[in-house]
């Protein structure tokens, strides 16, 4: 199929982590950390890497014949980039956040797409009637991820009696199905956070399933960790793939741990985040944002080894004069990237000491966050730094979205 992205075309580059960035790590943890790196005569870490990013705004997309898409809850366009990379032109996008809509408008990759800033609860299927008639697709799919805040893990701190996730005003599942019932696409994607499968959210899942069955759709549910599909990020999400025809969708994982690879030679190692963000660690890019980590735990962050979090500074990890107690803080607290591993989940609005942080004891800048999400290197975001961060953190990784949409199209 057309539009497969290839990586690693650039020559091998070398990345240096100077010893000043890890000099505060205690000896027993430092020895373990350095065991996987090459250290030069100055005590600095030297890492060979190849940049694995890609571009989209000059890409000549070869579309599949006959299949076209409409997007809702489009955000910054993560799932939409994936849809077009899968060979399916996106006819229209819709989002309530004006910055996200402007982001998509600014990228020529979507020059043939209509972009709307609007509320799905204020429109109906007739809104798309002229567009569908004009484009006359042989097959039509709808892609979207209704807002997931009511079902996020953060909601678990609130009691079930107070949560009422199914009644939360941010729950856009029913409006999504209302539009689907009126457009009657051949298939659709509904994406959400993995925690929608938590027992507390059973009513929401039942609503999704009941609506699909009521509208005559057959479906498959894919519970995916992005890191297992070549994305440099551990990010768990659920995708409902629905079709008017019989469907038995699946996405066999392509990446695994060393132990998994020993048992299955078809798997490849997880992506190394250094290969996706190393290129962007430049003075020019870092100077464009305030990446400093000043404040209460500024020194403690410098004491955390690569790939670890606040727990490294607890008695459980034999830290002298422990600073924290294991299990008493968010997992993301002082969480630091490891160059040779995928990133942890990039979130939309992290707290002051929530990571992931860069191994150079700073915050990640927008270009690095976008690369971790597999947004194209040339993809432009509109808005303030906070707005851009929110857009990136809420998105579906485009290269994961591509795989999901390709799979759906096999069954419509």
Protein backbone atom coordinates (compact mmCIF):
# COMPACT_ATOMS: atom_id res chain seq x y z
CA UNK A 1 0.00 0.00 0.00
CA UNK A 2 1.22 3.52 -0.71
CA UNK A 3 2.59 6.10 1.73
CA UNK A 4 4.63 3.79 3.96
CA UNK A 5 7.06 5.94 5.91
CA UNK A 6 10.70 4.85 6.01
CA UNK A 7 13.16 5.92 8.67
CA UNK A 8 16.86 6.00 9.39
CA UNK A 9 17.87 7.44 6.02
CA UNK A 10 20.19 9.98 7.57
CA UNK A 11 23.81 9.16 8.34
CA UNK A 12 24.71 8.11 11.87
CA UNK A 13 25.14 11.08 14.19
CA UNK A 14 26.71 11.25 17.64
CA UNK A 15 25.03 12.63 20.70
CA UNK A 16 26.87 13.63 23.86
CA UNK A 17 25.57 13.77 27.42
CA UNK A 18 28.13 15.62 29.48
CA UNK A 19 28.91 14.23 32.93
CA UNK A 20 27.66 17.44 34.57
CA UNK A 21 24.13 16.21 33.88
CA UNK A 22 24.52 13.06 35.98
CA UNK A 23 27.21 14.01 38.54
CA UNK A 24 24.69 14.13 41.41
CA UNK A 25 23.51 10.53 41.02
CA UNK A 26 24.67 8.39 43.94
CA UNK A 27 27.51 5.93 43.14
CA UNK A 28 25.61 2.61 43.22
CA UNK A 29 22.83 3.96 40.96
CA UNK A 30 25.30 5.71 38.67
CA UNK A 31 27.31 2.54 38.13
CA UNK A 32 24.21 0.64 37.11
CA UNK A 33 23.04 3.46 34.83
CA UNK A 34 26.37 3.86 33.02
CA UNK A 35 26.72 0.11 32.37
CA UNK A 36 24.74 0.37 29.11
CA UNK A 37 26.54 3.44 27.75
CA UNK A 38 29.88 4.20 26.14
CA UNK A 39 31.75 6.73 28.28
CA UNK A 40 34.69 8.67 26.81
CA UNK A 41 37.93 9.77 28.47
CA UNK A 42 36.25 12.91 29.82
CA UNK A 43 33.50 10.93 31.52
CA UNK A 44 30.86 12.03 29.02
CA UNK A 45 28.35 9.63 27.45
CA UNK A 46 28.64 9.19 23.67
CA UNK A 47 25.64 7.77 21.77
CA UNK A 48 25.50 6.96 18.05
CA UNK A 49 21.99 7.47 16.67
CA UNK A 50 19.97 7.90 13.50
CA UNK A 51 17.11 10.35 13.30
CA UNK A 52 13.84 8.55 12.57
CA UNK A 53 11.53 11.47 11.97
CA UNK A 54 9.67 12.18 8.74
CA UNK A 55 7.95 15.09 7.03
CA UNK A 56 4.46 15.46 5.62
CA UNK A 57 3.90 18.92 4.20
CA UNK A 58 5.71 18.15 0.98
CA UNK A 59 4.48 14.57 0.79
CA UNK A 60 2.71 13.56 -2.40
CA UNK A 61 0.08 11.28 -0.92
CA UNK A 62 -1.18 8.41 -3.06
CA UNK A 63 -4.77 7.85 -2.02
CA UNK A 64 -6.72 4.63 -2.16
CA UNK A 65 -9.47 4.67 -4.75
CA UNK A 66 -12.94 5.32 -3.42
CA UNK A 67 -12.47 5.50 0.36
CA UNK A 68 -12.73 8.89 2.06
CA UNK A 69 -12.98 10.09 5.66
CA UNK A 70 -14.67 12.66 7.87
CA UNK A 71 -13.00 13.54 11.16
CA UNK A 72 -14.54 14.67 14.43
CA UNK A 73 -12.88 15.70 17.69
CA UNK A 74 -9.91 16.23 15.39
CA UNK A 75 -7.64 18.11 17.80
CA UNK A 76 -4.25 18.87 16.30
CA UNK A 77 -4.76 16.17 13.67
CA UNK A 78 -2.88 13.14 14.99
CA UNK A 79 -5.47 10.61 13.84
CA UNK A 80 -6.06 12.63 10.66
CA UNK A 81 -2.38 12.57 9.67
CA UNK A 82 -2.49 8.82 10.18
CA UNK A 83 -5.64 8.55 8.08
CA UNK A 84 -4.07 10.34 5.13
CA UNK A 85 -0.82 8.38 5.48
CA UNK A 86 -3.01 5.29 5.22
CA UNK A 87 -4.17 6.57 1.84
CA UNK A 88 -7.55 7.93 2.91
CA UNK A 89 -8.19 11.63 2.20
CA UNK A 90 -9.77 13.52 5.09
CA UNK A 91 -12.62 15.60 3.67
CA UNK A 92 -13.51 17.53 6.80
CA UNK A 93 -12.32 18.06 10.38
CA UNK A 94 -14.19 19.38 13.40
CA UNK A 95 -13.00 20.58 16.81
CA UNK A 96 -14.16 23.08 19.44
CA UNK A 97 -10.62 24.31 20.26
CA UNK A 98 -9.77 27.15 17.90
CA UNK A 99 -5.99 26.70 18.25
CA UNK A 100 -6.24 23.09 17.11
CA UNK A 101 -8.29 24.08 14.08
CA UNK A 102 -5.73 26.76 13.19
CA UNK A 103 -2.94 24.19 13.58
CA UNK A 104 -4.48 21.98 10.92
CA UNK A 105 -5.16 24.93 8.63
CA UNK A 106 -1.47 25.88 8.74
CA UNK A 107 -0.24 22.56 7.42
CA UNK A 108 -0.35 22.05 3.63
CA UNK A 109 -0.74 18.32 4.22
CA UNK A 110 -4.43 19.17 4.75
CA UNK A 111 -4.77 21.74 1.98
CA UNK A 112 -7.71 19.84 0.45
CA UNK A 113 -9.50 19.40 3.77
CA UNK A 114 -12.30 21.59 5.13
CA UNK A 115 -11.56 22.62 8.72
CA UNK A 116 -14.33 23.71 11.08
CA UNK A 117 -14.29 25.08 14.59
CA UNK A 118 -17.59 23.95 16.04
CA UNK A 119 -19.54 21.94 18.57
CA UNK A 120 -20.70 18.47 17.53
CA UNK A 121 -23.78 18.86 19.72
CA UNK A 122 -24.92 21.77 17.56
CA UNK A 123 -24.86 19.99 14.19
CA UNK A 124 -26.47 16.97 12.60
CA UNK A 125 -25.88 14.70 9.66
CA UNK A 126 -27.35 17.22 7.22
CA UNK A 127 -24.35 19.40 7.96
CA UNK A 128 -22.25 17.02 5.85
CA UNK A 129 -24.81 16.21 3.16
CA UNK A 130 -23.48 18.59 0.49
CA UNK A 131 -19.87 17.60 1.10
CA UNK A 132 -20.63 13.89 0.86
CA UNK A 133 -22.71 14.43 -2.29
CA UNK A 134 -19.93 16.46 -3.89
CA UNK A 135 -17.15 14.01 -3.03
CA UNK A 136 -19.31 10.95 -3.69
CA UNK A 137 -17.08 8.42 -1.93
CA UNK A 138 -17.47 4.74 -2.77
CA UNK A 139 -16.83 4.07 0.91
CA UNK A 140 -16.99 6.56 3.78
CA UNK A 141 -15.36 6.24 7.19
CA UNK A 142 -15.52 8.52 10.23
CA UNK A 143 -12.59 8.84 12.63
CA UNK A 144 -12.60 10.45 16.04
CA UNK A 145 -11.85 10.24 19.73
CA UNK A 146 -14.62 11.70 21.91
CA UNK A 147 -13.05 13.66 24.81
CA UNK A 148 -11.68 11.28 27.39
CA UNK A 149 -11.44 13.36 30.59
CA UNK A 150 -14.43 11.67 32.25
CA UNK A 151 -12.70 8.29 31.90
CA UNK A 152 -9.10 9.23 32.70
CA UNK A 153 -7.13 7.76 35.59
CA UNK A 154 -7.14 11.17 37.24
CA UNK A 155 -10.85 10.67 37.81
CA UNK A 156 -10.18 7.69 40.06
CA UNK A 157 -9.25 10.06 42.89
CA UNK A 158 -12.94 10.99 42.96
CA UNK A 159 -15.45 8.54 44.39
CA UNK A 160 -17.78 6.71 42.01
CA UNK A 161 -20.74 8.51 43.57
CA UNK A 162 -19.29 11.88 42.57
CA UNK A 163 -17.75 10.96 39.23
CA UNK A 164 -20.86 10.24 37.13
CA UNK A 165 -18.63 9.87 34.08
CA UNK A 166 -21.49 8.84 31.83
CA UNK A 167 -23.30 12.07 32.70
CA UNK A 168 -20.19 14.28 32.53
CA UNK A 169 -20.71 17.20 30.12
CA UNK A 170 -17.36 16.29 28.55
CA UNK A 171 -18.68 12.85 27.60
CA UNK A 172 -19.22 13.17 23.87
CA UNK A 173 -19.98 9.52 23.09
CA UNK A 174 -23.71 9.99 22.48
CA UNK A 175 -23.30 13.04 20.19
CA UNK A 176 -20.73 11.07 18.19
CA UNK A 177 -23.19 8.24 17.65
CA UNK A 178 -25.96 10.66 16.78
CA UNK A 179 -23.89 11.96 13.85
CA UNK A 180 -22.89 8.41 12.88
CA UNK A 181 -26.54 7.36 12.81
CA UNK A 182 -27.32 10.21 10.38
CA UNK A 183 -24.27 9.97 8.13
CA UNK A 184 -24.29 6.14 8.07
CA UNK A 185 -20.63 5.61 7.15
CA UNK A 186 -19.37 2.20 6.05
CA UNK A 187 -17.11 2.11 9.08
CA UNK A 188 -15.65 4.22 11.85
CA UNK A 189 -12.95 4.51 14.50
CA UNK A 190 -13.74 5.50 18.08
CA UNK A 191 -10.60 6.10 20.17
CA UNK A 192 -10.36 6.59 23.92
CA UNK A 193 -8.09 6.17 26.92
CA UNK A 194 -7.43 2.64 28.15
CA UNK A 195 -9.00 3.49 31.49
CA UNK A 196 -12.42 3.63 29.84
CA UNK A 197 -12.27 -0.15 30.39
CA UNK A 198 -12.02 0.30 34.15
CA UNK A 199 -15.04 -1.26 35.93
CA UNK A 200 -16.13 2.22 37.01
CA UNK A 201 -16.71 3.06 33.36
CA UNK A 202 -18.71 -0.03 32.43
CA UNK A 203 -21.75 2.10 31.60
CA UNK A 204 -19.74 4.07 29.04
CA UNK A 205 -18.47 0.94 27.31
CA UNK A 206 -21.96 -0.55 27.34
CA UNK A 207 -23.22 2.65 25.70
CA UNK A 208 -20.64 2.32 22.92
CA UNK A 209 -21.45 -1.34 22.30
CA UNK A 210 -25.22 -0.81 22.48
CA UNK A 211 -25.03 2.03 19.98
CA UNK A 212 -22.90 0.05 17.54
CA UNK A 213 -25.28 -2.88 17.65
CA UNK A 214 -28.34 -0.64 17.39
CA UNK A 215 -26.95 0.98 14.24
CA UNK A 216 -26.09 -2.36 12.66
CA UNK A 217 -22.32 -2.21 13.04
CA UNK A 218 -20.06 -5.11 13.82
CA UNK A 219 -16.93 -4.22 15.70
CA UNK A 220 -13.54 -5.16 17.06
CA UNK A 221 -11.96 -3.59 20.12
CA UNK A 222 -8.18 -3.09 20.01
CA UNK A 223 -6.39 -2.44 23.27
CA UNK A 224 -3.02 -1.09 22.18
CA UNK A 225 0.23 0.11 23.72
CA UNK A 226 1.81 2.47 21.19
CA UNK A 227 5.34 1.29 22.11
CA UNK A 228 4.52 -2.16 20.73
CA UNK A 229 3.83 -0.64 17.29
CA UNK A 230 7.03 1.30 16.64
CA UNK A 231 6.07 4.47 18.52
CA UNK A 232 8.78 5.86 20.85
CA UNK A 233 6.30 6.17 23.70
CA UNK A 234 4.47 3.92 26.14
CA UNK A 235 0.91 5.06 25.55
CA UNK A 236 -2.09 2.78 26.10
CA UNK A 237 -5.27 3.48 24.20
CA UNK A 238 -8.45 1.67 23.13
CA UNK A 239 -9.77 1.72 19.57
CA UNK A 240 -13.22 0.50 18.59
CA UNK A 241 -13.21 -0.37 14.87
CA UNK A 242 -16.67 -0.76 13.40
CA UNK A 243 -17.92 -1.90 10.00
CA UNK A 244 -21.24 -2.67 8.34
CA UNK A 245 -19.59 -5.92 7.25
CA UNK A 246 -18.09 -8.76 9.22
CA UNK A 247 -14.97 -7.57 11.04
CA UNK A 248 -12.26 -9.38 12.95
CA UNK A 249 -9.65 -6.67 13.19
CA UNK A 250 -6.30 -7.19 14.89
CA UNK A 251 -2.91 -5.52 15.06
CA UNK A 252 -0.16 -7.98 15.94
CA UNK A 253 2.53 -6.08 17.80
CA UNK A 254 5.83 -5.48 16.01
CA UNK A 255 8.06 -4.51 18.97
CA UNK A 256 8.85 -6.32 22.18
CA UNK A 257 11.22 -6.80 25.11
CA UNK A 258 14.43 -8.79 24.86
CA UNK A 259 12.69 -11.82 26.38
CA UNK A 260 9.81 -11.55 23.90
CA UNK A 261 12.22 -11.24 20.98
CA UNK A 262 14.00 -14.43 22.09
CA UNK A 263 10.68 -16.27 21.73
CA UNK A 264 9.51 -14.45 18.58
CA UNK A 265 12.17 -13.46 16.06
CA UNK A 266 9.66 -11.42 14.05
CA UNK A 267 9.61 -8.78 16.77
CA UNK A 268 12.05 -5.89 16.82
CA UNK A 269 13.26 -3.91 19.84
CA UNK A 270 11.26 -1.01 21.19
CA UNK A 271 12.10 2.35 19.66
CA UNK A 272 14.84 4.35 21.37
CA UNK A 273 13.62 7.86 22.14
CA UNK A 274 17.10 9.25 21.34
CA UNK A 275 16.53 8.35 17.68
CA UNK A 276 13.44 10.56 17.60
CA UNK A 277 14.46 13.56 19.72
CA UNK A 278 18.27 13.63 19.73
CA UNK A 279 18.30 15.86 16.64
CA UNK A 280 16.17 18.46 18.42
CA UNK A 281 18.44 19.00 21.43
CA UNK A 282 19.84 22.28 20.12
CA UNK A 283 20.51 25.63 21.77
CA UNK A 284 18.26 27.33 19.25
CA UNK A 285 15.20 25.18 19.98
CA UNK A 286 15.78 25.10 23.73
CA UNK A 287 16.09 28.90 23.87
CA UNK A 288 12.61 29.36 22.41
CA UNK A 289 10.90 28.09 25.57
CA UNK A 290 11.42 28.22 29.32
CA UNK A 291 12.59 24.68 30.01
CA UNK A 292 14.14 25.31 33.43
CA UNK A 293 13.09 23.18 36.38
CA UNK A 294 13.47 25.73 39.15
CA UNK A 295 11.84 25.25 42.49
CA UNK A 296 11.45 22.85 45.40
CA UNK A 297 12.75 19.66 43.78
CA UNK A 298 15.23 21.22 41.35
CA UNK A 299 18.25 19.51 42.94
CA UNK A 300 16.45 16.21 43.48
CA UNK A 301 15.68 15.95 39.75
CA UNK A 302 19.44 15.99 39.03
CA UNK A 303 19.84 13.01 41.39
CA UNK A 304 17.40 10.76 39.51
CA UNK A 305 19.07 8.27 37.09
CA UNK A 306 17.94 8.11 33.47
CA UNK A 307 14.73 6.11 33.12
CA UNK A 308 13.80 6.43 36.81
CA UNK A 309 11.43 8.57 38.86
CA UNK A 310 11.17 9.86 42.43
CA UNK A 311 11.33 6.28 43.74
CA UNK A 312 15.08 6.30 43.04
CA UNK A 313 15.36 8.70 45.98
CA UNK A 314 13.63 6.39 48.48
CA UNK A 315 14.73 3.77 50.98
CA UNK A 316 13.39 1.09 48.65
CA UNK A 317 16.21 1.93 46.23
CA UNK A 318 18.79 2.19 49.04
CA UNK A 319 19.04 5.94 48.66
CA UNK A 320 21.02 7.50 51.52
CA UNK A 321 18.92 9.92 53.57
CA UNK A 322 15.74 9.15 51.57
CA UNK A 323 13.85 12.17 50.28
CA UNK A 324 10.56 10.44 49.40
CA UNK A 325 8.52 7.38 50.36
CA UNK A 326 7.79 4.95 47.52
CA UNK A 327 4.13 4.88 46.53
CA UNK A 328 3.30 8.27 48.02
CA UNK A 329 3.56 10.36 44.86
CA UNK A 330 2.33 10.24 41.27
CA UNK A 331 4.34 7.83 39.11
CA UNK A 332 5.21 10.78 36.83
CA UNK A 333 6.93 12.67 39.67
CA UNK A 334 10.52 13.49 38.65
CA UNK A 335 10.21 10.91 35.87
CA UNK A 336 13.18 11.13 33.53
CA UNK A 337 13.63 9.76 30.02
CA UNK A 338 16.20 7.09 29.20
CA UNK A 339 17.80 7.56 25.76
CA UNK A 340 17.59 3.84 24.91
CA UNK A 341 13.92 3.33 25.91
CA UNK A 342 10.57 4.63 24.70
CA UNK A 343 9.24 7.68 26.52
CA UNK A 344 6.47 7.40 29.06
CA UNK A 345 3.12 8.88 28.13
CA UNK A 346 3.16 12.52 27.11
CA UNK A 347 0.22 14.18 28.87
CA UNK A 348 -1.65 17.34 27.98
CA UNK A 349 -1.26 19.36 31.18
CA UNK A 350 1.47 18.03 33.49
CA UNK A 351 1.98 19.40 36.98
CA UNK A 352 5.15 21.29 37.84
CA UNK A 353 7.13 18.18 38.80
CA UNK A 354 5.43 15.66 36.53
CA UNK A 355 7.49 14.29 33.67
CA UNK A 356 8.73 12.92 31.54
CA UNK A 357 11.74 15.22 31.90
CA UNK A 358 14.76 15.28 29.60
CA UNK A 359 17.87 13.41 30.79
CA UNK A 360 19.56 16.83 30.86
CA UNK A 361 17.34 17.78 33.79
CA UNK A 362 15.04 20.12 31.87
CA UNK A 363 11.56 20.06 30.45
CA UNK A 364 10.95 18.78 26.95
CA UNK A 365 10.29 21.43 24.34
CA UNK A 366 7.45 21.35 21.82
CA UNK A 367 9.45 19.83 18.96
CA UNK A 368 10.61 16.98 21.21
CA UNK A 369 7.10 16.33 22.53
CA UNK A 370 5.76 16.27 18.99
CA UNK A 371 8.45 13.82 17.87
CA UNK A 372 7.69 11.48 20.77
CA UNK A 373 4.08 11.47 19.53
CA UNK A 374 5.39 10.82 15.96
CA UNK A 375 4.09 14.08 14.56
CA UNK A 376 6.03 14.94 11.38
CA UNK A 377 9.17 17.04 11.82
CA UNK A 378 7.69 19.83 9.70
CA UNK A 379 4.23 19.86 11.30
CA UNK A 380 3.40 23.33 12.57
CA UNK A 381 1.43 23.97 15.77
CA UNK A 382 -0.46 27.17 16.51
CA UNK A 383 -0.94 28.86 19.89
CA UNK A 384 0.88 29.46 23.14
CA UNK A 385 3.38 26.93 24.48
CA UNK A 386 0.70 25.63 26.85
CA UNK A 387 -1.79 25.33 24.02
CA UNK A 388 0.67 23.47 21.82
CA UNK A 389 1.54 21.12 24.67
CA UNK A 390 -2.16 20.43 25.24
CA UNK A 391 -2.73 19.73 21.54
CA UNK A 392 0.20 17.30 21.39
CA UNK A 393 -0.65 15.54 24.66
CA UNK A 394 -4.27 14.94 23.63
CA UNK A 395 -3.42 13.52 20.20
CA UNK A 396 -3.34 10.01 18.80
CA UNK A 397 0.24 9.29 17.63
CA UNK A 398 -0.10 9.69 13.84
CA UNK A 399 1.91 6.57 13.01
CA UNK A 400 -0.29 4.51 15.32
CA UNK A 401 -3.39 6.07 13.79
CA UNK A 402 -2.11 5.08 10.36
CA UNK A 403 -1.94 1.42 11.36
CA UNK A 404 -5.39 1.50 12.92
CA UNK A 405 -7.02 3.10 9.87
CA UNK A 406 -5.29 0.69 7.49
CA UNK A 407 -6.71 -2.18 9.51
CA UNK A 408 -10.24 -0.74 9.48
CA UNK A 409 -10.13 -0.33 5.71
CA UNK A 410 -9.47 -4.04 5.30
CA UNK A 411 -12.96 -4.73 6.64
CA UNK A 412 -15.22 -2.18 4.98
